[in-house]
PDB file of all heavy atoms in Angstrom:
ATOM      1  N   GLU A   1      14.504 -13.149 -12.145  1.00  0.00           N
ATOM      2  CA  GLU A   1      14.888 -12.317 -11.000  1.00  0.00           C
ATOM      3  C   GLU A   1      14.396 -10.888 -11.183  1.00  0.00           C
ATOM      4  O   GLU A   1      13.919 -10.261 -10.233  1.00  0.00           O
ATOM      5  CB  GLU A   1      16.407 -12.343 -10.825  1.00  0.00           C
ATOM      6  CG  GLU A   1      16.940 -13.658 -10.285  1.00  0.00           C
ATOM      7  CD  GLU A   1      18.449 -13.654 -10.168  1.00  0.00           C
ATOM      8  OE1 GLU A   1      19.082 -12.702 -10.710  1.00  0.00           O
ATOM      9  OE2 GLU A   1      19.005 -14.582  -9.566  1.00  0.00           O
ATOM     10  N   ARG A   2      14.519 -10.371 -12.417  1.00  0.00           N
ATOM     11  CA  ARG A   2      14.021  -9.017 -12.668  1.00  0.00           C
ATOM     12  C   ARG A   2      12.510  -8.947 -12.490  1.00  0.00           C
ATOM     13  O   ARG A   2      11.980  -7.991 -11.893  1.00  0.00           O
ATOM     14  CB  ARG A   2      14.419  -8.572 -14.085  1.00  0.00           C
ATOM     15  CG  ARG A   2      15.903  -8.282 -14.258  1.00  0.00           C
ATOM     16  CD  ARG A   2      16.160  -7.530 -15.557  1.00  0.00           C
ATOM     17  NE  ARG A   2      15.750  -8.314 -16.715  1.00  0.00           N
ATOM     18  CZ  ARG A   2      16.569  -9.138 -17.373  1.00  0.00           C
ATOM     19  NH1 ARG A   2      17.820  -9.280 -16.980  1.00  0.00           N
ATOM     20  NH2 ARG A   2      16.134  -9.799 -18.432  1.00  0.00           N
ATOM     21  N   GLU A   3      11.811  -9.967 -13.013  1.00  0.00           N
ATOM     22  CA  GLU A   3      10.352  -9.970 -12.875  1.00  0.00           C
ATOM     23  C   GLU A   3       9.943 -10.119 -11.416  1.00  0.00           C
ATOM     24  O   GLU A   3       8.985  -9.479 -10.952  1.00  0.00           O
ATOM     25  CB  GLU A   3       9.751 -11.094 -13.708  1.00  0.00           C
ATOM     26  CG  GLU A   3       9.913 -10.881 -15.215  1.00  0.00           C
ATOM     27  CD  GLU A   3       9.373 -12.044 -16.019  1.00  0.00           C
ATOM     28  OE1 GLU A   3       9.022 -13.076 -15.393  1.00  0.00           O
ATOM     29  OE2 GLU A   3       9.307 -11.936 -17.259  1.00  0.00           O
ATOM     30  N   THR A   4      10.676 -10.974 -10.674  1.00  0.00           N
ATOM     31  CA  THR A   4      10.375 -11.138  -9.253  1.00  0.00           C
ATOM     32  C   THR A   4      10.601  -9.842  -8.490  1.00  0.00           C
ATOM     33  O   THR A   4       9.796  -9.453  -7.639  1.00  0.00           O
ATOM     34  CB  THR A   4      11.245 -12.253  -8.654  1.00  0.00           C
ATOM     35  OG1 THR A   4      10.994 -13.479  -9.334  1.00  0.00           O
ATOM     36  CG2 THR A   4      10.953 -12.433  -7.167  1.00  0.00           C
ATOM     37  N   ALA A   5      11.700  -9.162  -8.810  1.00  0.00           N
ATOM     38  CA  ALA A   5      11.970  -7.886  -8.157  1.00  0.00           C
ATOM     39  C   ALA A   5      10.881  -6.863  -8.480  1.00  0.00           C
ATOM     40  O   ALA A   5      10.449  -6.096  -7.617  1.00  0.00           O
ATOM     41  CB  ALA A   5      13.337  -7.363  -8.589  1.00  0.00           C
ATOM     42  N   ALA A   6      10.412  -6.880  -9.734  1.00  0.00           N
ATOM     43  CA  ALA A   6       9.347  -5.948 -10.122  1.00  0.00           C
ATOM     44  C   ALA A   6       8.052  -6.263  -9.374  1.00  0.00           C
ATOM     45  O   ALA A   6       7.342  -5.356  -8.929  1.00  0.00           O
ATOM     46  CB  ALA A   6       9.122  -6.019 -11.634  1.00  0.00           C
ATOM     47  N   VAL A   7       7.742  -7.566  -9.232  1.00  0.00           N
ATOM     48  CA  VAL A   7       6.529  -7.956  -8.499  1.00  0.00           C
ATOM     49  C   VAL A   7       6.633  -7.544  -7.039  1.00  0.00           C
ATOM     50  O   VAL A   7       5.670  -7.028  -6.444  1.00  0.00           O
ATOM     51  CB  VAL A   7       6.297  -9.477  -8.629  1.00  0.00           C
ATOM     52  CG1 VAL A   7       5.202  -9.933  -7.675  1.00  0.00           C
ATOM     53  CG2 VAL A   7       5.931  -9.842 -10.058  1.00  0.00           C
ATOM     54  N   ARG A   8       7.800  -7.767  -6.437  1.00  0.00           N
ATOM     55  CA  ARG A   8       7.977  -7.385  -5.031  1.00  0.00           C
ATOM     56  C   ARG A   8       7.855  -5.877  -4.849  1.00  0.00           C
ATOM     57  O   ARG A   8       7.274  -5.404  -3.859  1.00  0.00           O
ATOM     58  CB  ARG A   8       9.338  -7.872  -4.535  1.00  0.00           C
ATOM     59  CG  ARG A   8       9.414  -9.378  -4.366  1.00  0.00           C
ATOM     60  CD  ARG A   8      10.801  -9.828  -3.963  1.00  0.00           C
ATOM     61  NE  ARG A   8      10.856 -11.259  -3.764  1.00  0.00           N
ATOM     62  CZ  ARG A   8      11.982 -11.943  -3.565  1.00  0.00           C
ATOM     63  NH1 ARG A   8      13.147 -11.299  -3.534  1.00  0.00           N
ATOM     64  NH2 ARG A   8      11.940 -13.254  -3.379  1.00  0.00           N
ATOM     65  N   GLU A   9       8.405  -5.122  -5.795  1.00  0.00           N
ATOM     66  CA  GLU A   9       8.285  -3.670  -5.712  1.00  0.00           C
ATOM     67  C   GLU A   9       6.833  -3.246  -5.846  1.00  0.00           C
ATOM     68  O   GLU A   9       6.368  -2.342  -5.135  1.00  0.00           O
ATOM     69  CB  GLU A   9       9.125  -3.020  -6.805  1.00  0.00           C
ATOM     70  CG  GLU A   9       9.006  -1.511  -6.889  1.00  0.00           C
ATOM     71  CD  GLU A   9       9.472  -0.796  -5.642  1.00  0.00           C
ATOM     72  OE1 GLU A   9      10.226  -1.404  -4.848  1.00  0.00           O
ATOM     73  OE2 GLU A   9       9.094   0.375  -5.445  1.00  0.00           O
ATOM     74  N   ARG A  10       6.098  -3.927  -6.743  1.00  0.00           N
ATOM     75  CA  ARG A  10       4.678  -3.613  -6.904  1.00  0.00           C
ATOM     76  C   ARG A  10       3.907  -3.962  -5.635  1.00  0.00           C
ATOM     77  O   ARG A  10       3.022  -3.201  -5.204  1.00  0.00           O
ATOM     78  CB  ARG A  10       4.119  -4.381  -8.091  1.00  0.00           C
ATOM     79  CG  ARG A  10       2.633  -4.132  -8.366  1.00  0.00           C
ATOM     80  CD  ARG A  10       2.341  -2.673  -8.578  1.00  0.00           C
ATOM     81  NE  ARG A  10       0.941  -2.437  -8.874  1.00  0.00           N
ATOM     82  CZ  ARG A  10       0.347  -1.254  -8.807  1.00  0.00           C
ATOM     83  NH1 ARG A  10       1.044  -0.188  -8.430  1.00  0.00           N
ATOM     84  NH2 ARG A  10      -0.927  -1.134  -9.102  1.00  0.00           N
ATOM     85  N   GLU A  11       4.239  -5.106  -5.031  1.00  0.00           N
ATOM     86  CA  GLU A  11       3.586  -5.489  -3.777  1.00  0.00           C
ATOM     87  C   GLU A  11       3.879  -4.465  -2.686  1.00  0.00           C
ATOM     88  O   GLU A  11       2.999  -4.120  -1.899  1.00  0.00           O
ATOM     89  CB  GLU A  11       4.066  -6.874  -3.341  1.00  0.00           C
ATOM     90  CG  GLU A  11       3.538  -8.009  -4.208  1.00  0.00           C
ATOM     91  CD  GLU A  11       4.068  -9.353  -3.770  1.00  0.00           C
ATOM     92  OE1 GLU A  11       5.015  -9.373  -2.941  1.00  0.00           O
ATOM     93  OE2 GLU A  11       3.559 -10.380  -4.236  1.00  0.00           O
ATOM     94  N   ARG A  12       5.125  -3.987  -2.658  1.00  0.00           N
ATOM     95  CA  ARG A  12       5.482  -2.980  -1.652  1.00  0.00           C
ATOM     96  C   ARG A  12       4.677  -1.702  -1.871  1.00  0.00           C
ATOM     97  O   ARG A  12       4.153  -1.109  -0.916  1.00  0.00           O
ATOM     98  CB  ARG A  12       6.979  -2.683  -1.721  1.00  0.00           C
ATOM     99  CG  ARG A  12       7.471  -1.735  -0.639  1.00  0.00           C
ATOM    100  CD  ARG A  12       8.900  -1.301  -0.913  1.00  0.00           C
ATOM    101  NE  ARG A  12       8.987  -0.503  -2.130  1.00  0.00           N
ATOM    102  CZ  ARG A  12       8.663   0.787  -2.184  1.00  0.00           C
ATOM    103  NH1 ARG A  12       8.207   1.420  -1.108  1.00  0.00           N
ATOM    104  NH2 ARG A  12       8.772   1.439  -3.328  1.00  0.00           N
ATOM    105  N   GLN A  13       4.565  -1.274  -3.130  1.00  0.00           N
ATOM    106  CA  GLN A  13       3.798  -0.069  -3.429  1.00  0.00           C
ATOM    107  C   GLN A  13       2.327  -0.250  -3.066  1.00  0.00           C
ATOM    108  O   GLN A  13       1.704   0.657  -2.508  1.00  0.00           O
ATOM    109  CB  GLN A  13       3.940   0.280  -4.908  1.00  0.00           C
ATOM    110  CG  GLN A  13       5.357   0.701  -5.313  1.00  0.00           C
ATOM    111  CD  GLN A  13       5.484   0.928  -6.804  1.00  0.00           C
ATOM    112  OE1 GLN A  13       4.548   0.711  -7.564  1.00  0.00           O
ATOM    113  NE2 GLN A  13       6.664   1.375  -7.240  1.00  0.00           N
ATOM    114  N   LEU A  14       1.779  -1.439  -3.392  1.00  0.00           N
ATOM    115  CA  LEU A  14       0.377  -1.699  -3.058  1.00  0.00           C
ATOM    116  C   LEU A  14       0.170  -1.730  -1.553  1.00  0.00           C
ATOM    117  O   LEU A  14      -0.859  -1.265  -1.040  1.00  0.00           O
ATOM    118  CB  LEU A  14      -0.076  -3.022  -3.676  1.00  0.00           C
ATOM    119  CG  LEU A  14      -0.219  -3.035  -5.203  1.00  0.00           C
ATOM    120  CD1 LEU A  14      -0.566  -4.438  -5.691  1.00  0.00           C
ATOM    121  CD2 LEU A  14      -1.292  -2.048  -5.659  1.00  0.00           C
ATOM    122  N   ASP A  15       1.136  -2.294  -0.827  1.00  0.00           N
ATOM    123  CA  ASP A  15       1.022  -2.335   0.630  1.00  0.00           C
ATOM    124  C   ASP A  15       1.065  -0.929   1.214  1.00  0.00           C
ATOM    125  O   ASP A  15       0.299  -0.605   2.128  1.00  0.00           O
ATOM    126  CB  ASP A  15       2.151  -3.187   1.220  1.00  0.00           C
ATOM    127  CG  ASP A  15       1.992  -3.399   2.708  1.00  0.00           C
ATOM    128  OD1 ASP A  15       0.990  -4.005   3.119  1.00  0.00           O
ATOM    129  OD2 ASP A  15       2.872  -2.945   3.468  1.00  0.00           O
ATOM    130  N   GLU A  16       1.968  -0.097   0.681  1.00  0.00           N
ATOM    131  CA  GLU A  16       2.017   1.290   1.141  1.00  0.00           C
ATOM    132  C   GLU A  16       0.717   2.013   0.822  1.00  0.00           C
ATOM    133  O   GLU A  16       0.207   2.784   1.646  1.00  0.00           O
ATOM    134  CB  GLU A  16       3.197   2.011   0.488  1.00  0.00           C
ATOM    135  CG  GLU A  16       4.550   1.561   0.993  1.00  0.00           C
ATOM    136  CD  GLU A  16       5.676   2.353   0.351  1.00  0.00           C
ATOM    137  OE1 GLU A  16       5.378   3.183  -0.553  1.00  0.00           O
ATOM    138  OE2 GLU A  16       6.841   2.143   0.740  1.00  0.00           O
ATOM    139  N   GLU A  17       0.162   1.758  -0.377  1.00  0.00           N
ATOM    140  CA  GLU A  17      -1.104   2.390  -0.741  1.00  0.00           C
ATOM    141  C   GLU A  17      -2.241   1.907   0.161  1.00  0.00           C
ATOM    142  O   GLU A  17      -3.092   2.696   0.577  1.00  0.00           O
ATOM    143  CB  GLU A  17      -1.427   2.066  -2.203  1.00  0.00           C
ATOM    144  CG  GLU A  17      -2.715   2.684  -2.731  1.00  0.00           C
ATOM    145  CD  GLU A  17      -2.625   4.197  -2.878  1.00  0.00           C
ATOM    146  OE1 GLU A  17      -1.521   4.764  -2.705  1.00  0.00           O
ATOM    147  OE2 GLU A  17      -3.663   4.818  -3.166  1.00  0.00           O
ATOM    148  N   ARG A  18      -2.223   0.595   0.470  1.00  0.00           N
ATOM    149  CA  ARG A  18      -3.248   0.065   1.354  1.00  0.00           C
ATOM    150  C   ARG A  18      -3.162   0.705   2.730  1.00  0.00           C
ATOM    151  O   ARG A  18      -4.182   1.092   3.317  1.00  0.00           O
ATOM    152  CB  ARG A  18      -3.088  -1.454   1.484  1.00  0.00           C
ATOM    153  CG  ARG A  18      -4.108  -2.099   2.414  1.00  0.00           C
ATOM    154  CD  ARG A  18      -3.789  -3.581   2.605  1.00  0.00           C
ATOM    155  NE  ARG A  18      -2.489  -3.781   3.206  1.00  0.00           N
ATOM    156  CZ  ARG A  18      -2.270  -3.665   4.512  1.00  0.00           C
ATOM    157  NH1 ARG A  18      -3.251  -3.353   5.330  1.00  0.00           N
ATOM    158  NH2 ARG A  18      -1.063  -3.869   4.997  1.00  0.00           N
ATOM    159  N   ARG A  19      -1.942   0.827   3.260  1.00  0.00           N
ATOM    160  CA  ARG A  19      -1.772   1.450   4.572  1.00  0.00           C
ATOM    161  C   ARG A  19      -2.206   2.917   4.542  1.00  0.00           C
ATOM    162  O   ARG A  19      -2.823   3.412   5.493  1.00  0.00           O
ATOM    163  CB  ARG A  19      -0.316   1.337   5.017  1.00  0.00           C
ATOM    164  CG  ARG A  19       0.122  -0.091   5.310  1.00  0.00           C
ATOM    165  CD  ARG A  19       1.599  -0.140   5.688  1.00  0.00           C
ATOM    166  NE  ARG A  19       2.049  -1.492   5.907  1.00  0.00           N
ATOM    167  CZ  ARG A  19       1.940  -2.136   7.070  1.00  0.00           C
ATOM    168  NH1 ARG A  19       1.383  -1.514   8.103  1.00  0.00           N
ATOM    169  NH2 ARG A  19       2.368  -3.367   7.204  1.00  0.00           N
ATOM    170  N   ARG A  20      -1.874   3.592   3.436  1.00  0.00           N
ATOM    171  CA  ARG A  20      -2.256   4.999   3.348  1.00  0.00           C
ATOM    172  C   ARG A  20      -3.771   5.145   3.306  1.00  0.00           C
ATOM    173  O   ARG A  20      -4.355   6.001   3.994  1.00  0.00           O
ATOM    174  CB  ARG A  20      -1.644   5.616   2.079  1.00  0.00           C
ATOM    175  CG  ARG A  20      -1.866   7.126   1.961  1.00  0.00           C
ATOM    176  CD  ARG A  20      -1.381   7.628   0.619  1.00  0.00           C
ATOM    177  NE  ARG A  20      -2.177   7.110  -0.478  1.00  0.00           N
ATOM    178  CZ  ARG A  20      -3.369   7.595  -0.813  1.00  0.00           C
ATOM    179  NH1 ARG A  20      -3.915   8.588  -0.139  1.00  0.00           N
ATOM    180  NH2 ARG A  20      -4.035   7.067  -1.833  1.00  0.00           N
ATOM    181  N   LEU A  21      -4.421   4.285   2.514  1.00  0.00           N
ATOM    182  CA  LEU A  21      -5.877   4.345   2.438  1.00  0.00           C
ATOM    183  C   LEU A  21      -6.525   3.961   3.768  1.00  0.00           C
ATOM    184  O   LEU A  21      -7.532   4.553   4.169  1.00  0.00           O
ATOM    185  CB  LEU A  21      -6.375   3.419   1.327  1.00  0.00           C
ATOM    186  CG  LEU A  21      -6.037   3.849  -0.099  1.00  0.00           C
ATOM    187  CD1 LEU A  21      -6.499   2.792  -1.093  1.00  0.00           C
ATOM    188  CD2 LEU A  21      -6.682   5.196  -0.434  1.00  0.00           C
ATOM    189  N   ALA A  22      -5.936   2.964   4.449  1.00  0.00           N
ATOM    190  CA  ALA A  22      -6.484   2.570   5.750  1.00  0.00           C
ATOM    191  C   ALA A  22      -6.373   3.708   6.756  1.00  0.00           C
ATOM    192  O   ALA A  22      -7.300   3.978   7.528  1.00  0.00           O
ATOM    193  CB  ALA A  22      -5.754   1.327   6.266  1.00  0.00           C
ATOM    194  N   ALA A  23      -5.216   4.388   6.742  1.00  0.00           N
ATOM    195  CA  ALA A  23      -5.039   5.514   7.655  1.00  0.00           C
ATOM    196  C   ALA A  23      -6.011   6.644   7.318  1.00  0.00           C
ATOM    197  O   ALA A  23      -6.612   7.266   8.218  1.00  0.00           O
ATOM    198  CB  ALA A  23      -3.596   6.012   7.587  1.00  0.00           C
ATOM    199  N   ALA A  24      -6.186   6.909   6.017  1.00  0.00           N
ATOM    200  CA  ALA A  24      -7.112   7.966   5.620  1.00  0.00           C
ATOM    201  C   ALA A  24      -8.547   7.594   5.988  1.00  0.00           C
ATOM    202  O   ALA A  24      -9.328   8.442   6.447  1.00  0.00           O
ATOM    203  CB  ALA A  24      -7.002   8.209   4.111  1.00  0.00           C
ATOM    204  N   ALA A  25      -8.886   6.313   5.802  1.00  0.00           N
ATOM    205  CA  ALA A  25     -10.238   5.877   6.151  1.00  0.00           C
ATOM    206  C   ALA A  25     -10.487   6.000   7.641  1.00  0.00           C
ATOM    207  O   ALA A  25     -11.545   6.462   8.082  1.00  0.00           O
ATOM    208  CB  ALA A  25     -10.440   4.432   5.699  1.00  0.00           C
ATOM    209  N   GLU A  26      -9.509   5.576   8.425  1.00  0.00           N
ATOM    210  CA  GLU A  26      -9.670   5.681   9.878  1.00  0.00           C
ATOM    211  C   GLU A  26      -9.794   7.134  10.316  1.00  0.00           C
ATOM    212  O   GLU A  26     -10.625   7.480  11.160  1.00  0.00           O
ATOM    213  CB  GLU A  26      -8.499   5.004  10.581  1.00  0.00           C
ATOM    214  CG  GLU A  26      -8.643   5.014  12.098  1.00  0.00           C
ATOM    215  CD  GLU A  26      -7.508   4.294  12.788  1.00  0.00           C
ATOM    216  OE1 GLU A  26      -6.524   3.955  12.106  1.00  0.00           O
ATOM    217  OE2 GLU A  26      -7.592   4.079  13.998  1.00  0.00           O
ATOM    218  N   GLU A  27      -8.966   7.999   9.728  1.00  0.00           N
ATOM    219  CA  GLU A  27      -9.026   9.415  10.083  1.00  0.00           C
ATOM    220  C   GLU A  27     -10.389  10.003   9.712  1.00  0.00           C
ATOM    221  O   GLU A  27     -10.982  10.766  10.478  1.00  0.00           O
ATOM    222  CB  GLU A  27      -7.910  10.173   9.361  1.00  0.00           C
ATOM    223  CG  GLU A  27      -7.876  11.665   9.694  1.00  0.00           C
ATOM    224  CD  GLU A  27      -6.758  12.373   8.954  1.00  0.00           C
ATOM    225  OE1 GLU A  27      -5.974  11.692   8.274  1.00  0.00           O
ATOM    226  OE2 GLU A  27      -6.675  13.603   9.076  1.00  0.00           O
ATOM    227  N   ARG A  28     -10.894   9.610   8.517  1.00  0.00           N
ATOM    228  CA  ARG A  28     -12.203  10.119   8.092  1.00  0.00           C
ATOM    229  C   ARG A  28     -13.306   9.621   9.019  1.00  0.00           C
ATOM    230  O   ARG A  28     -14.206  10.372   9.403  1.00  0.00           O
ATOM    231  CB  ARG A  28     -12.469   9.643   6.659  1.00  0.00           C
ATOM    232  CG  ARG A  28     -13.853  10.018   6.134  1.00  0.00           C
ATOM    233  CD  ARG A  28     -13.941  11.496   5.816  1.00  0.00           C
ATOM    234  NE  ARG A  28     -15.234  11.813   5.217  1.00  0.00           N
ATOM    235  CZ  ARG A  28     -16.292  12.234   5.899  1.00  0.00           C
ATOM    236  NH1 ARG A  28     -16.204  12.379   7.205  1.00  0.00           N
ATOM    237  NH2 ARG A  28     -17.421  12.503   5.268  1.00  0.00           N
ATOM    238  N   LEU A  29     -13.243   8.362   9.399  1.00  0.00           N
ATOM    239  CA  LEU A  29     -14.255   7.798  10.284  1.00  0.00           C
ATOM    240  C   LEU A  29     -14.205   8.449  11.653  1.00  0.00           C
ATOM    241  O   LEU A  29     -15.242   8.812  12.229  1.00  0.00           O
ATOM    242  CB  LEU A  29     -14.048   6.284  10.401  1.00  0.00           C
ATOM    243  CG  LEU A  29     -15.027   5.538  11.299  1.00  0.00           C
ATOM    244  CD1 LEU A  29     -16.457   5.714  10.811  1.00  0.00           C
ATOM    245  CD2 LEU A  29     -14.658   4.062  11.382  1.00  0.00           C
ATOM    246  N   GLN A  30     -12.993   8.606  12.201  1.00  0.00           N
ATOM    247  CA  GLN A  30     -12.865   9.225  13.525  1.00  0.00           C
ATOM    248  C   GLN A  30     -13.383  10.654  13.512  1.00  0.00           C
ATOM    249  O   GLN A  30     -14.047  11.093  14.455  1.00  0.00           O
ATOM    250  CB  GLN A  30     -11.400   9.183  13.972  1.00  0.00           C
ATOM    251  CG  GLN A  30     -10.861   7.783  14.241  1.00  0.00           C
ATOM    252  CD  GLN A  30     -11.602   7.101  15.365  1.00  0.00           C
ATOM    253  OE1 GLN A  30     -12.089   7.752  16.284  1.00  0.00           O
ATOM    254  NE2 GLN A  30     -11.705   5.783  15.282  1.00  0.00           N
ATOM    255  N   LYS A  31     -13.078  11.391  12.445  1.00  0.00           N
ATOM    256  CA  LYS A  31     -13.554  12.766  12.357  1.00  0.00           C
ATOM    257  C   LYS A  31     -15.085  12.800  12.296  1.00  0.00           C
ATOM    258  O   LYS A  31     -15.737  13.618  12.968  1.00  0.00           O
ATOM    259  CB  LYS A  31     -12.968  13.453  11.130  1.00  0.00           C
ATOM    260  CG  LYS A  31     -13.408  14.914  10.961  1.00  0.00           C
ATOM    261  CD  LYS A  31     -12.790  15.538   9.735  1.00  0.00           C
ATOM    262  CE  LYS A  31     -13.200  17.013   9.612  1.00  0.00           C
ATOM    263  NZ  LYS A  31     -14.667  17.185   9.561  1.00  0.00           N
TER     264      LYS A  31
END
């Protein structure tokens, strides 16, 4: 359960990072 929670937290962080990079990429492209 602890390892699963850690994996889910890592997935959440990676998803947030992916969204942040996607937003930054889109902003850079639009500019």
